[in-house]
Amino acid sequence: MAGGVRADVAFRDADPGEYADVDAAYREKYGQYTSIVKHVLTDRARASPLRLEPR
């Protein structure tokens, strides 16, 4: 449960082809926190990306 929402989901490996779009969205939302953004958008951080999909 997150934010009061309960859902049945599956964890999947993220598609590397989606990284650029995810990075852009992250920069748009959190860009004012430059020190955090520079640490999150790294190859090391991408070592364990997951996608939540409805079951």
C-alpha atoms as a PDB file:
ATOM      1  CA  MET A   1       0.000   0.000   0.000  1.00  0.00           C
ATOM      2  CA  ALA A   2       1.273   3.476  -0.890  1.00  0.00           C
ATOM      3  CA  GLY A   3      -0.564   6.726  -0.373  1.00  0.00           C
ATOM      4  CA  GLY A   4      -3.650   4.812   0.728  1.00  0.00           C
ATOM      5  CA  VAL A   5      -3.785   2.897  -2.556  1.00  0.00           C
ATOM      6  CA  ARG A   6      -3.658  -0.870  -2.519  1.00  0.00           C
ATOM      7  CA  ALA A   7      -2.855  -2.616  -5.804  1.00  0.00           C
ATOM      8  CA  ASP A   8      -1.718  -6.050  -6.926  1.00  0.00           C
ATOM      9  CA  VAL A   9       1.487  -5.426  -8.874  1.00  0.00           C
ATOM     10  CA  ALA A  10       4.470  -7.298 -10.251  1.00  0.00           C
ATOM     11  CA  PHE A  11       8.062  -6.054 -10.165  1.00  0.00           C
ATOM     12  CA  ARG A  12       9.816  -6.203 -13.541  1.00  0.00           C
ATOM     13  CA  ASP A  13      13.243  -5.140 -14.758  1.00  0.00           C
ATOM     14  CA  ALA A  14      13.066  -1.716 -16.378  1.00  0.00           C
ATOM     15  CA  ASP A  15      13.815  -1.364 -20.090  1.00  0.00           C
ATOM     16  CA  PRO A  16      17.072   0.594 -20.602  1.00  0.00           C
ATOM     17  CA  GLY A  17      15.364   2.302 -23.547  1.00  0.00           C
ATOM     18  CA  GLU A  18      13.170   4.114 -21.009  1.00  0.00           C
ATOM     19  CA  TYR A  19      16.017   5.590 -18.957  1.00  0.00           C
ATOM     20  CA  ALA A  20      16.213   8.899 -20.881  1.00  0.00           C
ATOM     21  CA  ASP A  21      12.494   9.594 -20.404  1.00  0.00           C
ATOM     22  CA  VAL A  22      12.648   8.678 -16.707  1.00  0.00           C
ATOM     23  CA  ASP A  23      15.733  10.880 -16.221  1.00  0.00           C
ATOM     24  CA  ALA A  24      13.983  13.820 -17.912  1.00  0.00           C
ATOM     25  CA  ALA A  25      10.882  13.416 -15.744  1.00  0.00           C
ATOM     26  CA  TYR A  26      13.026  13.169 -12.613  1.00  0.00           C
ATOM     27  CA  ARG A  27      14.961  16.327 -13.563  1.00  0.00           C
ATOM     28  CA  GLU A  28      11.703  18.168 -14.257  1.00  0.00           C
ATOM     29  CA  LYS A  29      10.181  17.217 -10.917  1.00  0.00           C
ATOM     30  CA  TYR A  30      13.283  17.393  -8.673  1.00  0.00           C
ATOM     31  CA  GLY A  31      15.675  19.614 -10.634  1.00  0.00           C
ATOM     32  CA  GLN A  32      15.805  22.230  -7.904  1.00  0.00           C
ATOM     33  CA  TYR A  33      17.599  19.665  -5.699  1.00  0.00           C
ATOM     34  CA  THR A  34      20.738  19.466  -7.833  1.00  0.00           C
ATOM     35  CA  SER A  35      22.878  17.592  -5.304  1.00  0.00           C
ATOM     36  CA  ILE A  36      20.296  14.796  -5.050  1.00  0.00           C
ATOM     37  CA  VAL A  37      19.637  14.630  -8.798  1.00  0.00           C
ATOM     38  CA  LYS A  38      23.312  14.245  -9.673  1.00  0.00           C
ATOM     39  CA  HIS A  39      23.569  11.231  -7.334  1.00  0.00           C
ATOM     40  CA  VAL A  40      20.356   9.545  -8.455  1.00  0.00           C
ATOM     41  CA  LEU A  41      20.885   9.762 -12.222  1.00  0.00           C
ATOM     42  CA  THR A  42      24.035   7.644 -12.431  1.00  0.00           C
ATOM     43  CA  ASP A  43      24.954   4.295 -13.933  1.00  0.00           C
ATOM     44  CA  ARG A  44      25.317   2.863 -10.431  1.00  0.00           C
ATOM     45  CA  ALA A  45      21.797   3.935  -9.514  1.00  0.00           C
ATOM     46  CA  ARG A  46      20.514   2.282 -12.694  1.00  0.00           C
ATOM     47  CA  ALA A  47      21.938  -1.071 -11.629  1.00  0.00           C
ATOM     48  CA  SER A  48      18.623  -2.045 -10.030  1.00  0.00           C
ATOM     49  CA  PRO A  49      15.783  -0.231 -11.781  1.00  0.00           C
ATOM     50  CA  LEU A  50      12.356  -1.771 -11.419  1.00  0.00           C
ATOM     51  CA  ARG A  51       9.021  -1.208 -13.058  1.00  0.00           C
ATOM     52  CA  LEU A  52       5.728  -1.818 -11.265  1.00  0.00           C
ATOM     53  CA  GLU A  53       3.092  -3.361 -13.508  1.00  0.00           C
ATOM     54  CA  PRO A  54      -0.479  -4.369 -12.693  1.00  0.00           C
ATOM     55  CA  ARG A  55      -0.959  -8.100 -12.391  1.00  0.00           C
END
